[in-house]
Protein backbone atom coordinates (compact mmCIF):
# COMPACT_ATOMS: atom_id res chain seq x y z
CA MET A 1 83.04 96.95 108.81
CA LYS A 2 82.06 96.87 105.16
CA ILE A 3 84.80 98.16 102.84
CA ALA A 4 84.74 98.79 99.08
CA PHE A 5 87.66 99.12 96.69
CA VAL A 6 86.84 101.11 93.56
CA GLY A 7 88.82 102.87 90.84
CA LYS A 8 89.60 103.10 87.16
CA GLY A 9 90.13 99.86 85.33
CA GLY A 10 93.81 98.94 85.58
CA SER A 11 94.42 101.13 88.62
CA GLY A 12 95.26 98.10 90.77
CA LYS A 13 92.13 97.99 92.91
CA THR A 14 91.90 94.18 92.76
CA THR A 15 95.55 93.89 93.78
CA LEU A 16 95.07 96.33 96.67
CA SER A 17 91.86 94.56 97.70
CA SER A 18 93.79 91.30 97.94
CA LEU A 19 96.68 92.90 99.83
CA PHE A 20 94.27 94.45 102.33
CA VAL A 21 92.54 91.10 102.83
CA ARG A 22 95.90 89.44 103.45
CA HIS A 23 96.88 92.22 105.85
CA LEU A 24 93.70 91.76 107.89
CA VAL A 25 93.98 87.96 107.94
CA THR A 26 97.62 88.13 109.02
CA ALA A 27 96.49 90.26 111.97
CA GLY A 28 93.98 87.55 112.95
CA ALA A 29 90.81 89.36 111.85
CA PRO A 30 87.80 87.48 110.44
CA VAL A 31 87.37 88.50 106.80
CA VAL A 32 84.88 87.88 104.01
CA ALA A 33 86.18 88.93 100.59
CA ILE A 34 83.78 89.38 97.68
CA ASP A 35 84.76 89.62 94.04
CA ALA A 36 82.08 91.88 92.56
CA ASP A 37 84.09 92.96 89.53
CA ILE A 38 83.08 91.75 86.08
CA ASN A 39 86.67 90.59 85.47
CA GLN A 40 86.70 88.20 88.48
CA HIS A 41 90.42 88.24 89.36
CA LEU A 42 90.30 88.50 93.16
CA GLY A 43 90.57 84.75 93.76
CA VAL A 44 93.79 84.48 91.77
CA ALA A 45 95.13 87.59 93.52
CA LEU A 46 94.50 85.79 96.81
CA GLY A 47 96.59 82.84 95.70
CA LEU A 48 94.04 80.46 94.16
CA GLU A 49 94.82 78.60 90.98
CA GLU A 50 92.83 79.89 88.03
CA ASP A 51 90.72 76.74 87.70
CA THR A 52 89.96 76.78 91.44
CA ALA A 53 88.95 80.45 91.30
CA ALA A 54 86.77 79.81 88.25
CA ALA A 55 84.97 77.02 90.14
CA ILE A 56 83.79 79.25 93.01
CA PRO A 57 79.97 79.05 93.08
CA ALA A 58 78.65 82.24 91.51
CA MET A 59 76.41 84.27 93.79
CA GLY A 60 74.55 85.60 90.76
CA GLU A 61 73.62 82.06 89.70
CA HIS A 62 72.30 81.22 93.19
CA LEU A 63 70.13 84.30 93.59
CA PRO A 64 66.87 82.35 94.10
CA GLU A 65 68.42 80.34 96.96
CA ILE A 66 69.91 83.49 98.50
CA LYS A 67 66.55 85.23 98.39
CA SER A 68 64.72 82.23 99.81
CA TYR A 69 67.09 81.98 102.75
CA LEU A 70 67.17 85.71 103.55
CA ARG A 71 63.41 86.05 103.27
CA GLY A 72 62.97 83.69 106.20
CA ALA A 73 59.56 84.21 107.78
CA ASN A 74 59.24 87.90 106.94
CA PRO A 75 55.45 88.34 106.52
CA ARG A 76 55.92 91.41 104.31
CA ILE A 77 57.59 89.33 101.60
CA PRO A 78 55.11 86.79 100.20
CA SER A 79 57.70 84.83 98.22
CA ALA A 80 61.36 84.80 97.26
CA ALA A 81 60.29 85.70 93.73
CA SER A 82 59.00 89.05 94.98
CA MET A 83 62.41 90.00 96.37
CA VAL A 84 64.64 92.31 94.33
CA LYS A 85 68.24 93.39 94.83
CA THR A 86 67.24 96.27 97.12
CA THR A 87 64.77 94.40 99.35
CA PRO A 88 65.64 95.42 102.92
CA PRO A 89 65.43 93.09 105.91
CA GLY A 90 62.58 93.27 108.38
CA ARG A 91 61.20 91.32 111.29
CA GLY A 92 61.29 87.65 110.34
CA SER A 93 64.14 88.05 107.83
CA ARG A 94 67.23 85.95 108.31
CA LEU A 95 70.28 88.06 109.08
CA LEU A 96 73.87 87.03 108.41
CA ARG A 97 76.95 87.02 110.64
CA LEU A 98 80.50 86.58 109.35
CA GLY A 99 81.33 83.51 111.42
CA ASP A 100 78.05 81.66 110.93
CA ASP A 101 77.63 78.35 109.14
CA ASP A 102 74.56 79.51 107.24
CA PRO A 103 73.88 78.15 103.73
CA ILE A 104 75.18 81.28 102.00
CA HIS A 105 78.60 81.21 103.64
CA THR A 106 78.99 77.44 103.64
CA ARG A 107 77.82 76.78 100.07
CA LEU A 108 79.06 79.85 98.24
CA ALA A 109 82.35 80.70 99.97
CA VAL A 110 85.76 79.09 99.67
CA ASP A 111 88.91 79.64 101.70
CA ALA A 112 91.44 81.97 100.07
CA ALA A 113 94.48 83.24 101.96
CA GLY A 114 92.63 82.63 105.23
CA ALA A 115 89.53 84.63 104.24
CA ARG A 116 86.11 83.47 103.14
CA LEU A 117 85.91 84.35 99.45
CA MET A 118 82.69 84.69 97.46
CA ALA A 119 82.25 85.82 93.86
CA THR A 120 79.42 87.24 91.81
CA GLY A 121 80.50 85.15 88.85
CA PRO A 122 81.33 86.06 85.25
CA PHE A 123 79.01 86.61 82.33
CA THR A 124 77.74 83.37 80.82
CA GLY A 125 76.89 82.71 77.21
CA GLU A 126 73.21 83.17 78.05
CA ASP A 127 73.93 86.62 79.52
CA LEU A 128 75.71 88.08 76.51
CA GLY A 129 73.66 90.69 74.75
CA VAL A 130 70.63 90.34 77.04
CA ALA A 131 71.72 91.09 80.63
CA CYS A 132 73.71 93.70 82.52
CA TYR A 133 76.21 92.86 85.23
CA HIS A 134 73.92 94.29 87.90
CA SER A 135 71.95 91.05 87.64
CA LYS A 136 75.03 89.50 89.30
CA THR A 137 75.93 92.22 91.80
CA GLY A 138 72.35 92.31 93.06
CA ALA A 139 73.22 89.20 95.07
CA VAL A 140 76.00 91.14 96.80
CA GLU A 141 73.64 94.04 97.56
CA LEU A 142 71.18 91.66 99.21
CA TYR A 143 74.01 90.04 101.15
CA LEU A 144 75.27 93.39 102.44
CA ASN A 145 71.75 94.57 103.34
CA HIS A 146 71.24 91.50 105.55
CA LEU A 147 74.73 91.31 107.08
CA VAL A 148 75.19 92.30 110.72
CA ASP A 149 78.95 92.72 111.01
CA GLY A 150 80.39 93.16 114.46
CA PRO A 151 83.48 94.93 115.84
CA GLY A 152 86.71 93.66 114.37
CA GLU A 153 84.97 91.90 111.48
CA TYR A 154 85.61 92.93 107.89
CA VAL A 155 83.90 92.50 104.53
CA VAL A 156 86.11 93.60 101.64
CA VAL A 157 84.42 94.03 98.25
CA ASP A 158 86.32 94.45 95.00
CA CYS A 159 83.79 96.47 93.01
CA THR A 160 83.30 97.10 89.31
CA ALA A 161 85.60 99.62 87.68
CA GLY A 162 84.90 103.31 87.17
CA ALA A 163 81.55 104.68 88.29
CA GLU A 164 79.56 101.51 87.52
CA SER A 165 78.68 101.10 91.22
CA PHE A 166 76.31 104.06 90.91
CA ALA A 167 73.97 102.04 88.71
CA SER A 168 72.57 100.58 91.95
CA GLY A 169 72.41 101.57 95.59
CA MET A 170 75.34 99.33 96.45
CA PHE A 171 77.69 102.32 96.68
CA THR A 172 75.94 103.28 99.96
CA ARG A 173 76.39 99.85 101.54
CA PHE A 174 79.92 100.48 102.86
CA ASP A 175 81.36 102.02 105.99
CA LEU A 176 84.35 103.23 103.99
CA THR A 177 85.20 103.26 100.29
CA PHE A 178 88.80 103.26 99.10
CA LEU A 179 89.30 104.72 95.64
CA VAL A 180 92.53 103.48 94.10
CA ALA A 181 94.09 106.14 91.88
CA GLU A 182 97.22 106.20 89.78
CA PRO A 183 99.05 109.55 89.61
CA THR A 184 97.63 110.41 86.20
CA ARG A 185 94.83 112.62 84.90
CA LYS A 186 92.77 109.53 84.07
CA GLY A 187 93.48 108.16 87.53
CA VAL A 188 92.05 111.16 89.33
CA ALA A 189 89.13 111.64 86.91
CA VAL A 190 87.28 108.70 88.50
CA TYR A 191 87.75 110.35 91.89
CA ARG A 192 86.02 113.49 90.63
CA GLN A 193 83.17 111.35 89.28
CA TRP A 194 82.75 109.66 92.65
CA VAL A 195 82.75 112.94 94.51
CA ASP A 196 80.10 114.37 92.18
CA TYR A 197 77.82 111.33 92.15
CA ALA A 198 78.09 110.60 95.87
CA ALA A 199 77.74 114.20 97.03
CA ASP A 200 74.18 113.80 98.35
CA PHE A 201 74.61 110.38 99.96
CA ASP A 202 77.13 110.87 102.78
CA VAL A 203 79.60 108.34 101.35
CA ALA A 204 82.91 108.10 103.21
CA LEU A 205 85.61 108.12 100.53
CA ARG A 206 89.40 108.01 100.85
CA VAL A 207 91.96 107.85 98.05
CA VAL A 208 94.81 105.36 97.94
CA GLY A 209 97.58 106.28 95.53
CA ASN A 210 98.98 103.32 93.61
CA LYS A 211 101.97 102.80 91.32
CA VAL A 212 103.54 105.90 92.85
CA HIS A 213 107.19 106.45 91.98
CA ASP A 214 108.31 109.58 93.78
CA ALA A 215 107.39 112.75 95.63
CA GLU A 216 106.20 114.37 92.40
CA ASP A 217 103.59 111.64 92.00
CA VAL A 218 102.43 112.17 95.57
CA ALA A 219 102.25 115.92 94.99
CA PHE A 220 100.18 115.38 91.84
CA LEU A 221 97.65 113.27 93.71
CA ARG A 222 97.53 115.72 96.61
CA GLU A 223 96.92 118.58 94.18
CA HIS A 224 93.92 116.83 92.65
CA VAL A 225 92.31 115.02 95.61
CA GLY A 226 93.51 117.10 98.56
CA ASP A 227 93.02 115.70 102.04
CA ALA A 228 91.13 112.69 100.66
CA LEU A 229 94.53 111.14 99.93
CA LEU A 230 95.16 108.62 102.70
CA CYS A 231 98.38 106.92 101.64
CA CYS A 232 100.36 105.68 98.64
CA LEU A 233 101.89 102.43 97.50
CA GLY A 234 104.73 102.12 95.05
CA GLN A 235 105.66 99.76 92.26
CA SER A 236 106.45 96.54 94.11
CA ALA A 237 108.63 93.72 92.84
CA ALA A 238 106.96 91.41 95.36
CA VAL A 239 103.51 92.29 94.07
CA ARG A 240 104.63 91.84 90.47
CA GLY A 241 105.93 88.41 91.44
CA MET A 242 102.60 87.59 93.10
CA GLU A 243 100.76 88.58 89.92
CA GLN A 244 103.08 86.32 87.94
CA GLY A 245 102.19 83.39 90.19
CA ARG A 246 105.22 83.28 92.45
CA PRO A 247 104.81 82.53 96.18
CA PHE A 248 103.88 85.62 98.17
CA GLY A 249 103.43 86.64 101.77
CA ILE A 250 102.50 90.00 103.23
CA GLY A 251 105.98 90.18 104.74
CA ASP A 252 107.44 90.34 101.25
CA LEU A 253 106.19 93.91 100.89
CA THR A 254 108.38 96.87 101.70
CA ALA A 255 108.01 98.43 105.13
CA ALA A 256 106.47 101.51 103.49
CA ASP A 257 103.78 99.44 101.72
CA ARG A 258 103.00 97.49 104.89
CA SER A 259 102.65 100.80 106.69
CA SER A 260 100.20 101.97 104.04
CA LEU A 261 98.07 98.86 104.55
CA GLY A 262 98.12 99.63 108.26
CA ALA A 263 96.88 103.13 107.47
CA LEU A 264 93.97 101.63 105.55
CA ARG A 265 92.95 99.50 108.51
CA ALA A 266 93.33 102.42 110.91
CA ALA A 267 91.05 104.51 108.71
CA VAL A 268 88.46 101.73 108.71
CA ASP A 269 88.68 101.18 112.46
CA ASP A 270 88.27 104.90 113.08
CA ARG A 271 84.86 104.86 111.40
CA ALA A 272 81.85 104.83 113.69
CA LYS A 273 79.24 102.26 112.71
CA ASP A 274 76.08 104.08 111.59
CA TRP A 275 73.33 101.47 111.50
CA PRO A 276 70.48 104.01 111.34
CA LYS A 277 71.95 105.59 108.18
CA PHE A 278 72.65 102.16 106.68
CA THR A 279 69.05 101.07 107.26
CA ARG A 280 67.59 104.39 106.10
CA GLN A 281 69.52 104.37 102.82
CA ALA A 282 68.56 100.77 102.16
CA VAL A 283 64.91 101.76 102.45
CA GLU A 284 65.38 104.89 100.33
CA PHE A 285 66.93 102.99 97.44
CA HIS A 286 64.39 100.20 97.69
CA VAL A 287 61.52 102.67 97.42
CA LYS A 288 63.26 104.42 94.53
CA ASN A 289 63.74 101.14 92.65
CA ALA A 290 60.21 99.98 93.42
CA ARG A 291 58.72 103.11 91.89
CA ALA A 292 61.12 103.22 88.94
CA TRP A 293 60.85 99.62 87.70
CA ALA A 294 60.45 96.88 90.29
CA ASN A 295 56.72 97.28 91.03
CA ALA A 296 55.93 96.90 87.34
CA ALA A 297 58.42 94.07 86.83
CA ILE A 298 57.24 92.00 89.81
CA GLY A 299 53.57 92.99 89.67
CA GLU A 300 53.41 93.90 93.35
CA ASP A 301 53.70 97.00 95.53
CA LEU A 302 57.23 96.38 96.76
CA GLU A 303 57.15 99.43 99.02
CA ALA A 304 55.01 97.27 101.30
CA GLN A 305 58.15 95.19 101.97
CA VAL A 306 59.55 97.99 104.13
CA ASP A 307 59.15 97.23 107.84
CA PRO A 308 58.95 100.64 109.56
CA GLY A 309 59.45 99.08 112.99
CA PHE A 310 62.70 97.32 112.10
CA THR A 311 66.24 98.59 112.54
CA LEU A 312 69.52 96.80 111.98
CA ALA A 313 70.92 98.78 114.91
CA GLU A 314 68.82 96.75 117.31
CA ALA A 315 69.81 93.53 115.60
CA ALA A 316 73.49 94.46 115.88
CA LEU A 317 73.20 95.25 119.58
CA THR A 318 71.30 92.11 120.49
CA GLY A 319 73.14 89.77 118.11
CA ARG A 320 69.82 88.61 116.65
CA ARG A 321 70.02 86.68 113.39
CA SER A 322 66.32 86.89 112.56
């Protein structure tokens, strides 16, 4: 399953992403974690030293290699240079599996808390003033479009803050999105944005309350988000210690917080995989981007990249990689 963590900046979404990754790994599940936030803190939250986390190969800087590998022998894509962030897979494309030793996973991922961790990478000096962060997250969108995840496999993506995810089609690439909200008016305002923007796209969204002190905080969140509220986590001394660099294990959490992490996994596992919708939305956003800017930028009719006879559902059932 593909899972996104979103929320207001400072809400704790990176911390909760890391706790959920640790929870899954502790239960023996295969996990890929992706830091797709401009602030790039997920590696440290998963226990890496800052210099080690900063040295993770940036997906955004390896976009040509990613495109070249995923393109494979797809006859509808004449070159890697003609691929854009929304290019969907087709017959001949190389598909990804979580446990594979393909070049993307082996060259761009490092071990962190028992998960495979990849990162989009920070802004560089060359980027400042001339590029948007979507030039980095486009690598993640391509990765998700070509990933065939099986039962009991998890991809956890720490996304950009606020409603930035709506600047691309990446917000539709997930089986379930967790919006982390503090019990404040600012905390729930991002939820309302997500509900409004995602209304026409059948996005599964649940709210996770964070930094919750008491029943009044829970009642505030319930008043503003209703049944979308899945669970709440409190202010944790163990988590504060983790963020200060002290040793941490998932068992250091309170029983209530561990139960909340279990509720997150249960919500994910209850989702039915919808490969037809996933494939359809990939095509829809690719066509939209092709017409809006990509055809002119690349100088080709990128709608011709769509393979009408291809479905990721078949690939998932047969285990095909290409």
